[in-house]
Amino acid sequence: MVKAVSPMIELSARDRDAMLRAAVIAPSMHNTQPWRFRFHGWVVEVYRDKERELPAEDPDRRMLFLSLGAAIFNLRVEAAARGYGSRVRQLTDPQRPDLVAVVELGGPHSGQLQLLAPCLIHRRTNRQPFTGQRLPGQVRAELVESARSEGAELQWLDRPLRRWWLHMATNEAAATDDADAQRTAERRRWVGGDRDADGIPSTALGPRSAGGEAVVREFAATLADATRPMALFESEPQLAVLSTRYDGPAEWLRAGQALERVLLEATAHGVSTSLLNQVIEHEDLRRELDDPLDPELRPQSVIRFGYGPPVPPTPRRPLADVTMPDDAAAGQE
């Protein structure tokens, strides 16, 4: 059923809260959840939360916009499940500098998006070892198509030389991160310990790699986390790079939506995922990633796929913390 929405009619509280709950379970760097939302009639305004940005680890805000894009995509999926179509417009408003985009609701909705709705609460970032089972060719093809439907490209790193290069570049990025006092301090703020609303708790870090290629990101920022148990990970990780044709905030927002669509499609097929984005976060290394793939593409995320054990969700902020009242937007500085 398609719901015709009048700009004079507010969304029901049930629909609004359901869309918010879907949006906030999107992935974000260090689970900072750097978003806020304001509902105005049939429009959802999406704002960046500057207090939750990562100036040391994400200086150009690429990962911020990917996170916002993922939240927007989840909102679109839940809107479709409730019979609403959606259209995303990126905005630049000098009067509201934190406003990133608006999602206009109404009109025909996507049946394909609706099918992804049951996967929203099951998607996880899985930092556990995966089995050696390979993804079927049909599943890989569907994941590629999912990215393309959102204006991005997903390229599989099947050649050993490409995986070796990424491994070396990832190690270089990790060493650079560990030697940077500001990055380390930022990580300590968001990673480790017990957490009930945001950040990555120690229980979600997964084990340390017992040897060979590190296929999960090492987030340990405290001595306790640095000495957690070790385990063997898959010897031939199944990795893919998500890219767009151009670069900049508009493409990062698009890439975030494509990323979340791929992650949800993987979840629908019972495939576990995690992100390996250290190389993406360093300008010099990211430029080198262009050549082994396609010089016309701009890499935005590295995704690890496989079959892993169930993992619990990471914490989320209360909806009241991410909802802006009508007068809040007008009072932005």
C-alpha atoms as a PDB file:
ATOM      1  CA  MET A   1       0.000   0.000   0.000  1.00  0.00           C
ATOM      2  CA  VAL A   2       1.347   3.419  -1.005  1.00  0.00           C
ATOM      3  CA  LYS A   3       0.650   6.217   1.441  1.00  0.00           C
ATOM      4  CA  ALA A   4      -0.095   9.624  -0.036  1.00  0.00           C
ATOM      5  CA  VAL A   5       1.352  12.182   2.345  1.00  0.00           C
ATOM      6  CA  SER A   6       0.103  15.725   2.600  1.00  0.00           C
ATOM      7  CA  PRO A   7       2.580  18.409   3.702  1.00  0.00           C
ATOM      8  CA  MET A   8      -0.129  19.606   6.099  1.00  0.00           C
ATOM      9  CA  ILE A   9      -0.245  16.254   7.916  1.00  0.00           C
ATOM     10  CA  GLU A  10       2.366  15.140  10.417  1.00  0.00           C
ATOM     11  CA  LEU A  11       3.580  11.569  10.438  1.00  0.00           C
ATOM     12  CA  SER A  12       2.101   9.408  13.133  1.00  0.00           C
ATOM     13  CA  ALA A  13       4.250   9.022  16.231  1.00  0.00           C
ATOM     14  CA  ARG A  14       4.476   5.293  15.539  1.00  0.00           C
ATOM     15  CA  ASP A  15       5.819   5.785  11.997  1.00  0.00           C
ATOM     16  CA  ARG A  16       8.203   8.527  13.068  1.00  0.00           C
ATOM     17  CA  ASP A  17       9.649   6.502  15.945  1.00  0.00           C
ATOM     18  CA  ALA A  18      10.007   3.409  13.777  1.00  0.00           C
ATOM     19  CA  MET A  19      11.995   5.380  11.182  1.00  0.00           C
ATOM     20  CA  LEU A  20      14.165   6.876  13.907  1.00  0.00           C
ATOM     21  CA  ARG A  21      14.851   3.474  15.447  1.00  0.00           C
ATOM     22  CA  ALA A  22      15.889   2.198  12.027  1.00  0.00           C
ATOM     23  CA  ALA A  23      18.130   5.186  11.321  1.00  0.00           C
ATOM     24  CA  VAL A  24      20.068   5.064  14.585  1.00  0.00           C
ATOM     25  CA  ILE A  25      21.069   1.398  14.250  1.00  0.00           C
ATOM     26  CA  ALA A  26      23.147   2.253  11.186  1.00  0.00           C
ATOM     27  CA  PRO A  27      26.915   1.735  11.472  1.00  0.00           C
ATOM     28  CA  SER A  28      29.163   4.710  12.221  1.00  0.00           C
ATOM     29  CA  MET A  29      32.876   5.129  12.827  1.00  0.00           C
ATOM     30  CA  HIS A  30      33.597   4.084  16.443  1.00  0.00           C
ATOM     31  CA  ASN A  31      29.800   3.934  16.880  1.00  0.00           C
ATOM     32  CA  THR A  32      29.775   7.676  17.522  1.00  0.00           C
ATOM     33  CA  GLN A  33      26.261   7.985  16.014  1.00  0.00           C
ATOM     34  CA  PRO A  34      26.959  11.525  14.721  1.00  0.00           C
ATOM     35  CA  TRP A  35      23.427  12.356  13.631  1.00  0.00           C
ATOM     36  CA  ARG A  36      20.316  14.247  14.616  1.00  0.00           C
ATOM     37  CA  PHE A  37      16.899  14.316  12.969  1.00  0.00           C
ATOM     38  CA  ARG A  38      14.035  16.761  12.758  1.00  0.00           C
ATOM     39  CA  PHE A  39      10.592  15.837  11.419  1.00  0.00           C
ATOM     40  CA  HIS A  40       8.606  18.566   9.741  1.00  0.00           C
ATOM     41  CA  GLY A  41       5.411  17.349   8.117  1.00  0.00           C
ATOM     42  CA  TRP A  42       6.441  14.897   5.413  1.00  0.00           C
ATOM     43  CA  VAL A  43      10.113  15.896   5.467  1.00  0.00           C
ATOM     44  CA  VAL A  44      12.879  14.428   7.632  1.00  0.00           C
ATOM     45  CA  GLU A  45      15.836  16.766   8.077  1.00  0.00           C
ATOM     46  CA  VAL A  46      19.174  15.083   8.760  1.00  0.00           C
ATOM     47  CA  TYR A  47      21.836  16.991  10.702  1.00  0.00           C
ATOM     48  CA  ARG A  48      25.447  16.260  11.611  1.00  0.00           C
ATOM     49  CA  ASP A  49      26.271  16.267  15.312  1.00  0.00           C
ATOM     50  CA  LYS A  50      29.589  18.112  15.526  1.00  0.00           C
ATOM     51  CA  GLU A  51      30.202  17.032  19.111  1.00  0.00           C
ATOM     52  CA  ARG A  52      30.459  13.458  17.825  1.00  0.00           C
ATOM     53  CA  GLU A  53      32.816  14.039  14.932  1.00  0.00           C
ATOM     54  CA  LEU A  54      36.385  12.725  14.867  1.00  0.00           C
ATOM     55  CA  PRO A  55      38.716  15.550  13.778  1.00  0.00           C
ATOM     56  CA  ALA A  56      41.909  13.536  14.303  1.00  0.00           C
ATOM     57  CA  GLU A  57      40.860  10.265  12.666  1.00  0.00           C
ATOM     58  CA  ASP A  58      38.406  11.681  10.147  1.00  0.00           C
ATOM     59  CA  PRO A  59      39.762  15.159   9.328  1.00  0.00           C
ATOM     60  CA  ASP A  60      37.978  15.578   5.989  1.00  0.00           C
ATOM     61  CA  ARG A  61      34.722  14.114   7.445  1.00  0.00           C
ATOM     62  CA  ARG A  62      34.502  11.367   4.819  1.00  0.00           C
ATOM     63  CA  MET A  63      33.486   8.747   7.389  1.00  0.00           C
ATOM     64  CA  LEU A  64      31.045  11.175   8.959  1.00  0.00           C
ATOM     65  CA  PHE A  65      29.130  11.475   5.692  1.00  0.00           C
ATOM     66  CA  LEU A  66      29.272   7.719   5.095  1.00  0.00           C
ATOM     67  CA  SER A  67      27.708   7.252   8.529  1.00  0.00           C
ATOM     68  CA  LEU A  68      24.999   9.806   7.787  1.00  0.00           C
ATOM     69  CA  GLY A  69      24.316   8.120   4.455  1.00  0.00           C
ATOM     70  CA  ALA A  70      23.920   4.747   6.152  1.00  0.00           C
ATOM     71  CA  ALA A  71      21.427   6.223   8.626  1.00  0.00           C
ATOM     72  CA  ILE A  72      19.495   7.814   5.763  1.00  0.00           C
ATOM     73  CA  PHE A  73      19.326   4.500   3.942  1.00  0.00           C
ATOM     74  CA  ASN A  74      17.947   2.736   7.009  1.00  0.00           C
ATOM     75  CA  LEU A  75      15.308   5.443   7.317  1.00  0.00           C
ATOM     76  CA  ARG A  76      14.380   4.884   3.660  1.00  0.00           C
ATOM     77  CA  VAL A  77      14.055   1.150   4.238  1.00  0.00           C
ATOM     78  CA  GLU A  78      11.745   1.585   7.213  1.00  0.00           C
ATOM     79  CA  ALA A  79       9.748   4.207   5.302  1.00  0.00           C
ATOM     80  CA  ALA A  80       9.225   1.703   2.476  1.00  0.00           C
ATOM     81  CA  ALA A  81       8.139  -0.947   4.970  1.00  0.00           C
ATOM     82  CA  ARG A  82       5.470   1.495   6.180  1.00  0.00           C
ATOM     83  CA  GLY A  83       4.277   2.321   2.681  1.00  0.00           C
ATOM     84  CA  TYR A  84       6.144   5.584   2.091  1.00  0.00           C
ATOM     85  CA  GLY A  85       8.326   6.372  -0.862  1.00  0.00           C
ATOM     86  CA  SER A  86      11.364   8.555  -0.227  1.00  0.00           C
ATOM     87  CA  ARG A  87      13.612  10.989  -2.045  1.00  0.00           C
ATOM     88  CA  VAL A  88      16.947  12.231  -0.669  1.00  0.00           C
ATOM     89  CA  ARG A  89      18.261  15.716  -1.362  1.00  0.00           C
ATOM     90  CA  GLN A  90      21.607  16.903  -0.085  1.00  0.00           C
ATOM     91  CA  LEU A  91      21.511  20.507   1.107  1.00  0.00           C
ATOM     92  CA  THR A  92      23.893  23.354   1.816  1.00  0.00           C
ATOM     93  CA  ASP A  93      22.151  25.990   3.926  1.00  0.00           C
ATOM     94  CA  PRO A  94      24.269  28.845   5.352  1.00  0.00           C
ATOM     95  CA  GLN A  95      21.542  29.491   7.915  1.00  0.00           C
ATOM     96  CA  ARG A  96      21.696  25.856   9.059  1.00  0.00           C
ATOM     97  CA  PRO A  97      25.286  24.707   8.519  1.00  0.00           C
ATOM     98  CA  ASP A  98      24.754  21.366  10.259  1.00  0.00           C
ATOM     99  CA  LEU A  99      21.910  20.372   7.920  1.00  0.00           C
ATOM    100  CA  VAL A 100      23.223  17.687   5.577  1.00  0.00           C
ATOM    101  CA  ALA A 101      20.185  16.366   3.715  1.00  0.00           C
ATOM    102  CA  VAL A 102      16.431  16.049   3.727  1.00  0.00           C
ATOM    103  CA  VAL A 103      14.405  12.929   3.074  1.00  0.00           C
ATOM    104  CA  GLU A 104      11.088  13.715   1.441  1.00  0.00           C
ATOM    105  CA  LEU A 105       8.442  11.086   2.110  1.00  0.00           C
ATOM    106  CA  GLY A 106       5.513  10.119  -0.087  1.00  0.00           C
ATOM    107  CA  GLY A 107       4.760   8.682  -3.481  1.00  0.00           C
ATOM    108  CA  PRO A 108       5.617   5.188  -4.739  1.00  0.00           C
ATOM    109  CA  HIS A 109       7.885   3.157  -2.500  1.00  0.00           C
ATOM    110  CA  SER A 110      10.474   0.553  -3.428  1.00  0.00           C
ATOM    111  CA  GLY A 111       9.459  -3.038  -2.924  1.00  0.00           C
ATOM    112  CA  GLN A 112      13.151  -3.983  -2.892  1.00  0.00           C
ATOM    113  CA  LEU A 113      13.809  -1.647   0.017  1.00  0.00           C
ATOM    114  CA  GLN A 114      10.804  -3.033   1.844  1.00  0.00           C
ATOM    115  CA  LEU A 115      12.279  -6.534   1.626  1.00  0.00           C
ATOM    116  CA  LEU A 116      15.372  -5.366   3.503  1.00  0.00           C
ATOM    117  CA  ALA A 117      13.394  -4.098   6.510  1.00  0.00           C
ATOM    118  CA  PRO A 118      13.561  -7.384   8.495  1.00  0.00           C
ATOM    119  CA  CYS A 119      17.362  -7.254   8.206  1.00  0.00           C
ATOM    120  CA  LEU A 120      17.718  -3.901   9.965  1.00  0.00           C
ATOM    121  CA  ILE A 121      17.815  -5.275  13.501  1.00  0.00           C
ATOM    122  CA  HIS A 122      20.012  -8.239  12.520  1.00  0.00           C
ATOM    123  CA  ARG A 123      22.865  -6.372  10.815  1.00  0.00           C
ATOM    124  CA  ARG A 124      26.010  -6.395  12.950  1.00  0.00           C
ATOM    125  CA  THR A 125      29.658  -5.442  12.636  1.00  0.00           C
ATOM    126  CA  ASN A 126      31.230  -8.844  13.234  1.00  0.00           C
ATOM    127  CA  ARG A 127      34.891  -8.790  14.347  1.00  0.00           C
ATOM    128  CA  GLN A 128      34.986 -12.518  15.099  1.00  0.00           C
ATOM    129  CA  PRO A 129      36.864 -15.063  12.950  1.00  0.00           C
ATOM    130  CA  PHE A 130      34.910 -16.236   9.914  1.00  0.00           C
ATOM    131  CA  THR A 131      34.854 -19.758   8.511  1.00  0.00           C
ATOM    132  CA  GLY A 132      36.614 -20.594   5.271  1.00  0.00           C
ATOM    133  CA  GLN A 133      33.291 -21.013   3.431  1.00  0.00           C
ATOM    134  CA  ARG A 134      33.220 -18.934   0.256  1.00  0.00           C
ATOM    135  CA  LEU A 135      30.270 -16.764  -0.757  1.00  0.00           C
ATOM    136  CA  PRO A 136      28.303 -18.264  -3.660  1.00  0.00           C
ATOM    137  CA  GLY A 137      28.751 -16.493  -6.986  1.00  0.00           C
ATOM    138  CA  GLN A 138      25.096 -15.492  -7.064  1.00  0.00           C
ATOM    139  CA  VAL A 139      25.351 -13.807  -3.654  1.00  0.00           C
ATOM    140  CA  ARG A 140      28.444 -11.903  -4.742  1.00  0.00           C
ATOM    141  CA  ALA A 141      26.653 -10.758  -7.889  1.00  0.00           C
ATOM    142  CA  GLU A 142      23.643  -9.561  -5.889  1.00  0.00           C
ATOM    143  CA  LEU A 143      25.905  -7.574  -3.566  1.00  0.00           C
ATOM    144  CA  VAL A 144      27.526  -5.900  -6.566  1.00  0.00           C
ATOM    145  CA  GLU A 145      24.092  -5.026  -7.922  1.00  0.00           C
ATOM    146  CA  SER A 146      23.031  -3.632  -4.543  1.00  0.00           C
ATOM    147  CA  ALA A 147      25.908  -1.159  -4.647  1.00  0.00           C
ATOM    148  CA  ARG A 148      25.140  -0.169  -8.237  1.00  0.00           C
ATOM    149  CA  SER A 149      21.502   0.496  -7.438  1.00  0.00           C
ATOM    150  CA  GLU A 150      22.727   3.270  -5.103  1.00  0.00           C
ATOM    151  CA  GLY A 151      25.243   4.698  -7.582  1.00  0.00           C
ATOM    152  CA  ALA A 152      28.379   2.930  -6.335  1.00  0.00           C
ATOM    153  CA  GLU A 153      30.638   0.076  -7.423  1.00  0.00           C
ATOM    154  CA  LEU A 154      31.656  -2.972  -5.398  1.00  0.00           C
ATOM    155  CA  GLN A 155      34.882  -4.620  -6.569  1.00  0.00           C
ATOM    156  CA  TRP A 156      36.072  -7.931  -5.156  1.00  0.00           C
ATOM    157  CA  LEU A 157      39.728  -8.254  -4.203  1.00  0.00           C
ATOM    158  CA  ASP A 158      40.159 -11.744  -5.612  1.00  0.00           C
ATOM    159  CA  ARG A 159      43.756 -11.498  -6.782  1.00  0.00           C
ATOM    160  CA  PRO A 160      46.332 -12.403  -4.111  1.00  0.00           C
ATOM    161  CA  LEU A 161      48.487  -9.437  -5.106  1.00  0.00           C
ATOM    162  CA  ARG A 162      45.630  -7.005  -4.411  1.00  0.00           C
ATOM    163  CA  ARG A 163      44.944  -8.585  -1.026  1.00  0.00           C
ATOM    164  CA  TRP A 164      48.660  -8.490  -0.198  1.00  0.00           C
ATOM    165  CA  TRP A 165      48.848  -4.793  -1.103  1.00  0.00           C
ATOM    166  CA  LEU A 166      45.820  -4.002   1.050  1.00  0.00           C
ATOM    167  CA  HIS A 167      47.325  -5.980   3.931  1.00  0.00           C
ATOM    168  CA  MET A 168      50.586  -4.031   3.737  1.00  0.00           C
ATOM    169  CA  ALA A 169      48.785  -0.688   3.421  1.00  0.00           C
ATOM    170  CA  THR A 170      46.508  -1.558   6.344  1.00  0.00           C
ATOM    171  CA  ASN A 171      49.509  -2.351   8.527  1.00  0.00           C
ATOM    172  CA  GLU A 172      51.095   0.962   7.551  1.00  0.00           C
ATOM    173  CA  ALA A 173      47.896   2.836   8.394  1.00  0.00           C
ATOM    174  CA  ALA A 174      47.597   1.051  11.754  1.00  0.00           C
ATOM    175  CA  ALA A 175      51.191   1.911  12.662  1.00  0.00           C
ATOM    176  CA  THR A 176      50.575   5.544  11.740  1.00  0.00           C
ATOM    177  CA  ASP A 177      47.434   5.607  13.864  1.00  0.00           C
ATOM    178  CA  ASP A 178      49.192   4.114  16.889  1.00  0.00           C
ATOM    179  CA  ALA A 179      51.985   6.692  16.658  1.00  0.00           C
ATOM    180  CA  ASP A 180      49.558   9.614  16.540  1.00  0.00           C
ATOM    181  CA  ALA A 181      48.752  10.859  20.050  1.00  0.00           C
ATOM    182  CA  GLN A 182      45.617  12.709  18.938  1.00  0.00           C
ATOM    183  CA  ARG A 183      44.216   9.699  17.118  1.00  0.00           C
ATOM    184  CA  THR A 184      44.964   7.465  20.085  1.00  0.00           C
ATOM    185  CA  ALA A 185      43.306   9.871  22.519  1.00  0.00           C
ATOM    186  CA  GLU A 186      40.255  10.099  20.277  1.00  0.00           C
ATOM    187  CA  ARG A 187      40.024   6.329  20.127  1.00  0.00           C
ATOM    188  CA  ARG A 188      40.202   6.047  23.911  1.00  0.00           C
ATOM    189  CA  ARG A 189      37.188   8.301  24.177  1.00  0.00           C
ATOM    190  CA  TRP A 190      35.039   6.036  22.038  1.00  0.00           C
ATOM    191  CA  VAL A 191      36.483   2.511  22.274  1.00  0.00           C
ATOM    192  CA  GLY A 192      36.726   0.038  25.128  1.00  0.00           C
ATOM    193  CA  GLY A 193      35.179  -0.530  28.524  1.00  0.00           C
ATOM    194  CA  ASP A 194      31.486  -0.869  29.312  1.00  0.00           C
ATOM    195  CA  ARG A 195      29.205   1.337  27.245  1.00  0.00           C
ATOM    196  CA  ASP A 196      25.441   1.745  27.370  1.00  0.00           C
ATOM    197  CA  ALA A 197      24.646   4.371  24.713  1.00  0.00           C
ATOM    198  CA  ASP A 198      27.471   4.794  22.186  1.00  0.00           C
ATOM    199  CA  GLY A 199      31.029   3.807  21.341  1.00  0.00           C
ATOM    200  CA  ILE A 200      32.458   0.316  20.940  1.00  0.00           C
ATOM    201  CA  PRO A 201      32.445  -1.732  24.165  1.00  0.00           C
ATOM    202  CA  SER A 202      35.310  -4.118  24.847  1.00  0.00           C
ATOM    203  CA  THR A 203      32.943  -7.052  24.293  1.00  0.00           C
ATOM    204  CA  ALA A 204      32.476  -6.005  20.630  1.00  0.00           C
ATOM    205  CA  LEU A 205      36.188  -5.820  19.745  1.00  0.00           C
ATOM    206  CA  GLY A 206      36.536  -9.510  19.026  1.00  0.00           C
ATOM    207  CA  PRO A 207      39.760 -11.442  19.650  1.00  0.00           C
ATOM    208  CA  ARG A 208      43.229 -10.386  18.607  1.00  0.00           C
ATOM    209  CA  SER A 209      44.712 -12.088  15.557  1.00  0.00           C
ATOM    210  CA  ALA A 210      46.940 -15.023  16.512  1.00  0.00           C
ATOM    211  CA  GLY A 211      49.089 -14.635  13.430  1.00  0.00           C
ATOM    212  CA  GLY A 212      49.121 -14.075   9.718  1.00  0.00           C
ATOM    213  CA  GLU A 213      47.027 -11.461   8.009  1.00  0.00           C
ATOM    214  CA  ALA A 214      45.013  -9.167  10.278  1.00  0.00           C
ATOM    215  CA  VAL A 215      41.535  -9.088   8.743  1.00  0.00           C
ATOM    216  CA  VAL A 216      39.813  -7.078  11.463  1.00  0.00           C
ATOM    217  CA  ARG A 217      40.682  -3.631  12.674  1.00  0.00           C
ATOM    218  CA  GLU A 218      42.615  -3.512  15.948  1.00  0.00           C
ATOM    219  CA  PHE A 219      40.848  -0.882  18.042  1.00  0.00           C
ATOM    220  CA  ALA A 220      42.474  -1.572  21.404  1.00  0.00           C
ATOM    221  CA  ALA A 221      43.219   1.719  23.150  1.00  0.00           C
ATOM    222  CA  THR A 222      43.760   0.432  26.702  1.00  0.00           C
ATOM    223  CA  LEU A 223      46.061  -2.175  28.233  1.00  0.00           C
ATOM    224  CA  ALA A 224      43.115  -4.378  29.154  1.00  0.00           C
ATOM    225  CA  ASP A 225      41.865  -4.462  25.557  1.00  0.00           C
ATOM    226  CA  ALA A 226      45.371  -4.919  24.154  1.00  0.00           C
ATOM    227  CA  THR A 227      45.767  -8.168  26.137  1.00  0.00           C
ATOM    228  CA  ARG A 228      42.402  -9.746  25.312  1.00  0.00           C
ATOM    229  CA  PRO A 229      42.401 -13.371  24.002  1.00  0.00           C
ATOM    230  CA  MET A 230      43.775 -14.307  20.594  1.00  0.00           C
ATOM    231  CA  ALA A 231      42.248 -16.427  17.824  1.00  0.00           C
ATOM    232  CA  LEU A 232      43.000 -17.590  14.311  1.00  0.00           C
ATOM    233  CA  PHE A 233      41.157 -15.753  11.540  1.00  0.00           C
ATOM    234  CA  GLU A 234      40.394 -16.900   8.019  1.00  0.00           C
ATOM    235  CA  SER A 235      43.536 -17.301   5.899  1.00  0.00           C
ATOM    236  CA  GLU A 236      41.912 -15.995   2.707  1.00  0.00           C
ATOM    237  CA  PRO A 237      39.570 -13.152   3.666  1.00  0.00           C
ATOM    238  CA  GLN A 238      36.814 -12.227   1.240  1.00  0.00           C
ATOM    239  CA  LEU A 239      37.260  -8.483   0.740  1.00  0.00           C
ATOM    240  CA  ALA A 240      35.675  -5.914  -1.541  1.00  0.00           C
ATOM    241  CA  VAL A 241      36.121  -2.177  -2.072  1.00  0.00           C
ATOM    242  CA  LEU A 242      33.112   0.121  -2.386  1.00  0.00           C
ATOM    243  CA  SER A 243      33.810   3.067  -4.681  1.00  0.00           C
ATOM    244  CA  THR A 244      32.099   5.988  -6.391  1.00  0.00           C
ATOM    245  CA  ARG A 245      32.934   7.837  -9.610  1.00  0.00           C
ATOM    246  CA  TYR A 246      33.580  11.146  -7.888  1.00  0.00           C
ATOM    247  CA  ASP A 247      34.655  12.407  -4.486  1.00  0.00           C
ATOM    248  CA  GLY A 248      33.293  14.945  -2.020  1.00  0.00           C
ATOM    249  CA  PRO A 249      30.441  15.139   0.512  1.00  0.00           C
ATOM    250  CA  ALA A 250      27.678  14.378  -1.998  1.00  0.00           C
ATOM    251  CA  GLU A 251      29.432  11.186  -3.100  1.00  0.00           C
ATOM    252  CA  TRP A 252      30.280  10.234   0.476  1.00  0.00           C
ATOM    253  CA  LEU A 253      26.609  10.494   1.373  1.00  0.00           C
ATOM    254  CA  ARG A 254      25.765   8.353  -1.645  1.00  0.00           C
ATOM    255  CA  ALA A 255      28.476   5.860  -0.699  1.00  0.00           C
ATOM    256  CA  GLY A 256      27.055   5.577   2.823  1.00  0.00           C
ATOM    257  CA  GLN A 257      23.670   4.618   1.426  1.00  0.00           C
ATOM    258  CA  ALA A 258      25.277   2.107  -0.942  1.00  0.00           C
ATOM    259  CA  LEU A 259      27.378   0.681   1.884  1.00  0.00           C
ATOM    260  CA  GLU A 260      24.367   0.095   4.101  1.00  0.00           C
ATOM    261  CA  ARG A 261      22.412  -1.452   1.249  1.00  0.00           C
ATOM    262  CA  VAL A 262      25.259  -3.910   0.663  1.00  0.00           C
ATOM    263  CA  LEU A 263      25.496  -4.704   4.382  1.00  0.00           C
ATOM    264  CA  LEU A 264      21.754  -5.320   4.649  1.00  0.00           C
ATOM    265  CA  GLU A 265      21.733  -7.451   1.492  1.00  0.00           C
ATOM    266  CA  ALA A 266      24.588  -9.492   2.962  1.00  0.00           C
ATOM    267  CA  THR A 267      22.596  -9.887   6.183  1.00  0.00           C
ATOM    268  CA  ALA A 268      19.622 -11.127   4.175  1.00  0.00           C
ATOM    269  CA  HIS A 269      21.833 -13.927   2.819  1.00  0.00           C
ATOM    270  CA  GLY A 270      23.202 -14.854   6.235  1.00  0.00           C
ATOM    271  CA  VAL A 271      26.579 -13.284   5.471  1.00  0.00           C
ATOM    272  CA  SER A 272      28.568 -11.547   8.226  1.00  0.00           C
ATOM    273  CA  THR A 273      30.439  -8.311   7.585  1.00  0.00           C
ATOM    274  CA  SER A 274      32.955  -5.935   9.103  1.00  0.00           C
ATOM    275  CA  LEU A 275      34.819  -2.879   7.823  1.00  0.00           C
ATOM    276  CA  LEU A 276      38.559  -2.456   7.263  1.00  0.00           C
ATOM    277  CA  ASN A 277      38.780   1.252   6.533  1.00  0.00           C
ATOM    278  CA  GLN A 278      42.211   2.267   7.849  1.00  0.00           C
ATOM    279  CA  VAL A 279      43.558   2.729   4.320  1.00  0.00           C
ATOM    280  CA  ILE A 280      40.554   4.834   3.319  1.00  0.00           C
ATOM    281  CA  GLU A 281      41.178   7.216   6.219  1.00  0.00           C
ATOM    282  CA  HIS A 282      44.717   8.128   5.072  1.00  0.00           C
ATOM    283  CA  GLU A 283      44.920  10.343   1.991  1.00  0.00           C
ATOM    284  CA  ASP A 284      48.231   9.002   0.659  1.00  0.00           C
ATOM    285  CA  LEU A 285      47.239   5.354   1.040  1.00  0.00           C
ATOM    286  CA  ARG A 286      43.759   5.911  -0.338  1.00  0.00           C
ATOM    287  CA  ARG A 287      45.206   7.421  -3.522  1.00  0.00           C
ATOM    288  CA  GLU A 288      47.373   4.335  -3.994  1.00  0.00           C
ATOM    289  CA  LEU A 289      44.281   2.138  -3.696  1.00  0.00           C
ATOM    290  CA  ASP A 290      42.947   3.700  -6.926  1.00  0.00           C
ATOM    291  CA  ASP A 291      45.563   2.092  -9.167  1.00  0.00           C
ATOM    292  CA  PRO A 292      45.097  -1.606  -8.334  1.00  0.00           C
ATOM    293  CA  LEU A 293      41.353  -1.173  -8.850  1.00  0.00           C
ATOM    294  CA  ASP A 294      40.284   1.479 -11.324  1.00  0.00           C
ATOM    295  CA  PRO A 295      41.810   4.968 -11.646  1.00  0.00           C
ATOM    296  CA  GLU A 296      38.356   6.323 -12.482  1.00  0.00           C
ATOM    297  CA  LEU A 297      36.900   5.209  -9.149  1.00  0.00           C
ATOM    298  CA  ARG A 298      37.275   6.733  -5.706  1.00  0.00           C
ATOM    299  CA  PRO A 299      37.416   4.122  -2.900  1.00  0.00           C
ATOM    300  CA  GLN A 300      35.107   4.845   0.024  1.00  0.00           C
ATOM    301  CA  SER A 301      35.061   1.669   2.136  1.00  0.00           C
ATOM    302  CA  VAL A 302      36.674  -1.767   2.428  1.00  0.00           C
ATOM    303  CA  ILE A 303      34.271  -4.546   3.449  1.00  0.00           C
ATOM    304  CA  ARG A 304      35.067  -8.016   4.780  1.00  0.00           C
ATOM    305  CA  PHE A 305      32.499 -10.739   4.069  1.00  0.00           C
ATOM    306  CA  GLY A 306      32.125 -14.257   5.375  1.00  0.00           C
ATOM    307  CA  TYR A 307      30.288 -16.561   7.738  1.00  0.00           C
ATOM    308  CA  GLY A 308      30.814 -15.828  11.422  1.00  0.00           C
ATOM    309  CA  PRO A 309      29.188 -16.594  14.766  1.00  0.00           C
ATOM    310  CA  PRO A 310      26.319 -14.459  16.067  1.00  0.00           C
ATOM    311  CA  VAL A 311      27.400 -11.289  17.871  1.00  0.00           C
ATOM    312  CA  PRO A 312      25.355  -8.945  20.073  1.00  0.00           C
ATOM    313  CA  PRO A 313      24.422  -5.411  18.971  1.00  0.00           C
ATOM    314  CA  THR A 314      26.423  -2.408  20.089  1.00  0.00           C
ATOM    315  CA  PRO A 315      24.614   0.201  22.231  1.00  0.00           C
ATOM    316  CA  ARG A 316      22.493   2.989  20.806  1.00  0.00           C
ATOM    317  CA  ARG A 317      21.479   6.431  22.031  1.00  0.00           C
ATOM    318  CA  PRO A 318      17.882   7.028  23.173  1.00  0.00           C
ATOM    319  CA  LEU A 319      15.673   8.461  20.455  1.00  0.00           C
ATOM    320  CA  ALA A 320      15.161  11.630  22.481  1.00  0.00           C
ATOM    321  CA  ASP A 321      18.891  12.341  22.189  1.00  0.00           C
ATOM    322  CA  VAL A 322      18.873  12.333  18.398  1.00  0.00           C
ATOM    323  CA  THR A 323      15.576  14.154  17.804  1.00  0.00           C
ATOM    324  CA  MET A 324      15.594  17.929  17.355  1.00  0.00           C
ATOM    325  CA  PRO A 325      12.518  19.962  18.328  1.00  0.00           C
ATOM    326  CA  ASP A 326      11.055  22.267  15.713  1.00  0.00           C
ATOM    327  CA  ASP A 327      12.728  25.351  17.167  1.00  0.00           C
ATOM    328  CA  ALA A 328      16.192  23.762  17.452  1.00  0.00           C
ATOM    329  CA  ALA A 329      17.057  23.995  13.774  1.00  0.00           C
ATOM    330  CA  ALA A 330      16.209  27.665  13.591  1.00  0.00           C
ATOM    331  CA  GLY A 331      18.516  28.344  16.550  1.00  0.00           C
ATOM    332  CA  GLN A 332      21.639  26.856  14.992  1.00  0.00           C
ATOM    333  CA  GLU A 333      24.746  28.962  14.958  1.00  0.00           C
END
